[in-house]
Each structure stands twice: as C-alpha cells, then as structure tokens.
Protein backbone atom coordinates (compact mmCIF):
# COMPACT_ATOMS: atom_id res chain seq x y z
CA UNK A 1 116.70 158.77 76.06
CA UNK A 2 119.81 159.30 78.05
CA UNK A 3 119.29 160.24 81.75
CA UNK A 4 121.29 163.24 83.11
CA UNK A 5 122.70 163.82 86.34
CA UNK A 6 120.04 164.98 88.65
CA UNK A 7 120.02 167.73 91.37
CA UNK A 8 122.64 167.21 93.95
CA UNK A 9 125.27 165.85 91.44
CA UNK A 10 127.94 167.89 89.55
CA UNK A 11 128.49 165.16 87.08
CA UNK A 12 127.00 162.03 85.83
CA UNK A 13 130.24 160.35 87.07
CA UNK A 14 129.61 161.45 90.61
CA UNK A 15 126.01 159.99 90.31
CA UNK A 16 127.53 156.65 89.13
CA UNK A 17 130.03 156.68 92.23
CA UNK A 18 126.97 157.27 94.56
CA UNK A 19 124.98 154.53 93.08
CA UNK A 20 127.87 152.00 93.38
CA UNK A 21 128.53 152.95 96.94
CA UNK A 22 124.74 152.61 97.98
CA UNK A 23 124.85 149.18 96.11
CA UNK A 24 128.05 148.03 98.11
CA UNK A 25 126.52 149.19 101.37
CA UNK A 26 123.27 147.23 100.81
CA UNK A 27 125.47 144.06 100.06
CA UNK A 28 127.35 144.34 103.36
CA UNK A 29 130.48 146.38 102.35
CA UNK A 30 132.05 148.99 104.41
CA UNK A 31 132.80 152.21 102.41
CA UNK A 32 136.20 153.17 103.78
CA UNK A 33 136.89 156.08 101.59
CA UNK A 34 135.74 157.81 98.32
CA UNK A 35 137.60 159.90 95.70
CA UNK A 36 140.87 159.12 97.31
CA UNK A 37 143.80 161.42 95.82
CA UNK A 38 147.44 161.44 96.54
CA UNK A 39 149.52 163.98 95.03
CA UNK A 40 149.70 163.99 91.32
CA UNK A 41 149.21 160.12 91.03
CA UNK A 42 145.46 160.39 90.45
CA UNK A 43 142.46 159.30 92.27
CA UNK A 44 140.77 156.00 93.33
CA UNK A 45 136.79 156.28 93.20
CA UNK A 46 135.98 153.90 95.99
CA UNK A 47 137.67 152.05 98.66
CA UNK A 48 135.35 149.38 100.31
CA UNK A 49 136.01 146.41 102.66
CA UNK A 50 134.33 143.28 103.36
CA UNK A 51 135.43 140.05 105.19
CA UNK A 52 138.99 141.57 105.56
CA UNK A 53 139.44 142.07 101.77
CA UNK A 54 140.17 145.70 100.66
CA UNK A 55 138.37 146.50 97.29
CA UNK A 56 139.78 149.13 95.10
CA UNK A 57 137.04 150.36 92.66
CA UNK A 58 137.27 152.49 89.59
CA UNK A 59 133.80 153.54 88.49
CA UNK A 60 132.97 154.36 84.74
CA UNK A 61 129.54 155.85 84.26
CA UNK A 62 127.68 156.70 81.02
CA UNK A 63 124.30 157.17 79.61
CA UNK A 64 124.32 153.93 77.59
CA UNK A 65 127.59 152.12 76.77
CA UNK A 66 129.28 148.86 76.05
CA UNK A 67 131.33 147.76 79.24
CA UNK A 68 133.84 145.96 77.08
CA UNK A 69 134.78 149.22 75.12
CA UNK A 70 135.39 151.17 78.30
CA UNK A 71 137.45 148.25 79.90
CA UNK A 72 140.10 148.90 77.31
CA UNK A 73 140.46 152.37 78.56
CA UNK A 74 142.24 151.08 81.68
CA UNK A 75 145.55 150.55 80.05
CA UNK A 76 148.67 149.26 81.88
CA UNK A 77 149.78 152.64 83.04
CA UNK A 78 146.51 153.38 84.72
CA UNK A 79 146.39 149.82 86.10
CA UNK A 80 149.89 150.49 87.69
CA UNK A 81 148.69 153.82 89.15
CA UNK A 82 145.66 152.14 90.64
CA UNK A 83 147.87 149.51 92.36
CA UNK A 84 150.26 152.46 93.70
CA UNK A 85 147.53 154.38 94.98
CA UNK A 86 145.88 151.41 96.53
CA UNK A 87 149.22 150.49 98.29
CA UNK A 88 149.55 154.09 99.64
CA UNK A 89 146.03 154.16 100.89
CA UNK A 90 146.42 150.74 102.61
CA UNK A 91 149.71 151.68 104.33
CA UNK A 92 149.09 155.21 105.33
CA UNK A 93 145.29 155.90 105.50
CA UNK A 94 143.14 152.68 105.85
CA UNK A 95 141.90 152.14 109.43
CA UNK A 96 143.07 148.50 108.99
CA UNK A 97 146.07 147.19 107.01
CA UNK A 98 144.66 144.58 104.46
CA UNK A 99 146.62 141.75 103.34
CA UNK A 100 143.99 140.74 100.69
CA UNK A 101 143.24 143.40 98.00
CA UNK A 102 141.08 143.09 94.96
CA UNK A 103 140.74 145.50 91.98
CA UNK A 104 137.43 146.22 90.36
CA UNK A 105 135.95 148.33 87.66
CA UNK A 106 132.27 149.25 88.05
CA UNK A 107 130.47 149.98 84.88
CA UNK A 108 127.25 152.10 85.40
CA UNK A 109 124.86 152.69 82.68
CA UNK A 110 122.23 155.18 83.48
CA UNK A 111 119.14 155.71 81.27
CA UNK A 112 115.61 156.95 81.50
CA UNK A 113 112.77 154.40 81.63
CA UNK A 114 109.42 156.34 81.50
CA UNK A 115 109.72 159.16 83.90
CA UNK A 116 112.27 157.30 86.21
CA UNK A 117 116.06 156.76 86.09
CA UNK A 118 117.05 153.21 85.57
CA UNK A 119 120.60 151.91 86.00
CA UNK A 120 122.44 148.87 85.46
CA UNK A 121 125.85 148.05 87.23
CA UNK A 122 128.42 145.72 86.30
CA UNK A 123 131.54 144.58 88.35
CA UNK A 124 134.59 143.53 86.31
CA UNK A 125 137.84 142.46 87.82
CA UNK A 126 140.56 144.72 86.82
CA UNK A 127 142.99 143.20 84.49
CA UNK A 128 146.32 143.93 85.97
C-alpha cells in the first residue's frame, strides 16, 4: 500500500526533499539552500556542500517506482537548466564560491510497512 504525505507536507515531493535533506545532514553535509528558483529557469531542490564540493541535487519522489524509468525524465534540456541554475547559485547566492560541483538525482521511494512509513533513497550521478 503506498504511503501518502503526512501532516506538515503539502506534497509527497516535499516529503522526499525533507527525507533527502535529513539523510545528507546525518552524513555530514551542510544544506546550503533548498528550493532555489531563479526567474523562469526553474528550481533546484537541494544545494548541499561537503569537503569544498557543491552538490546540486534534484529529488524525484514517488510511492513505488523504478529509478531507471525516472532517470530518463531528466533530458538534455533539463540537464542544461540544472547546470545554468547551479552556476547562478554558485556565483550569486552561495556563501562560498565552489570550484568542484557535482550533480545528482536522489530517487526516493516511500511505501507503508505495517503502520510505519518506509523509504528507500538512491543517489545517481546526473548524466550531463
């Protein structure tokens, strides 16, 4: 049975972004910015940093899916927007100018196991 977004989340996507942020913090990452928008170019879900590397992370959340199917939804046009938005963030907003930048997609699968939510998170380098 799929697990639906709980109280405090407007969408299952926001729940996935929160799960990824918490996971990154536990692994020693600093969350620099979430839901970064610039004009009409779009949005980057999470900017995180660790060891002088900036991570640009797009989160894809669903109640049960195959990550390989969703990876195809990041086409060349979307990838170029991610690069452009990341460059804008790094140059104008980031507290530190990063030289090393990595791009990832975080796939979050949320299901219900008994009465508790169960999630699985997979990080995949974005094909650029």
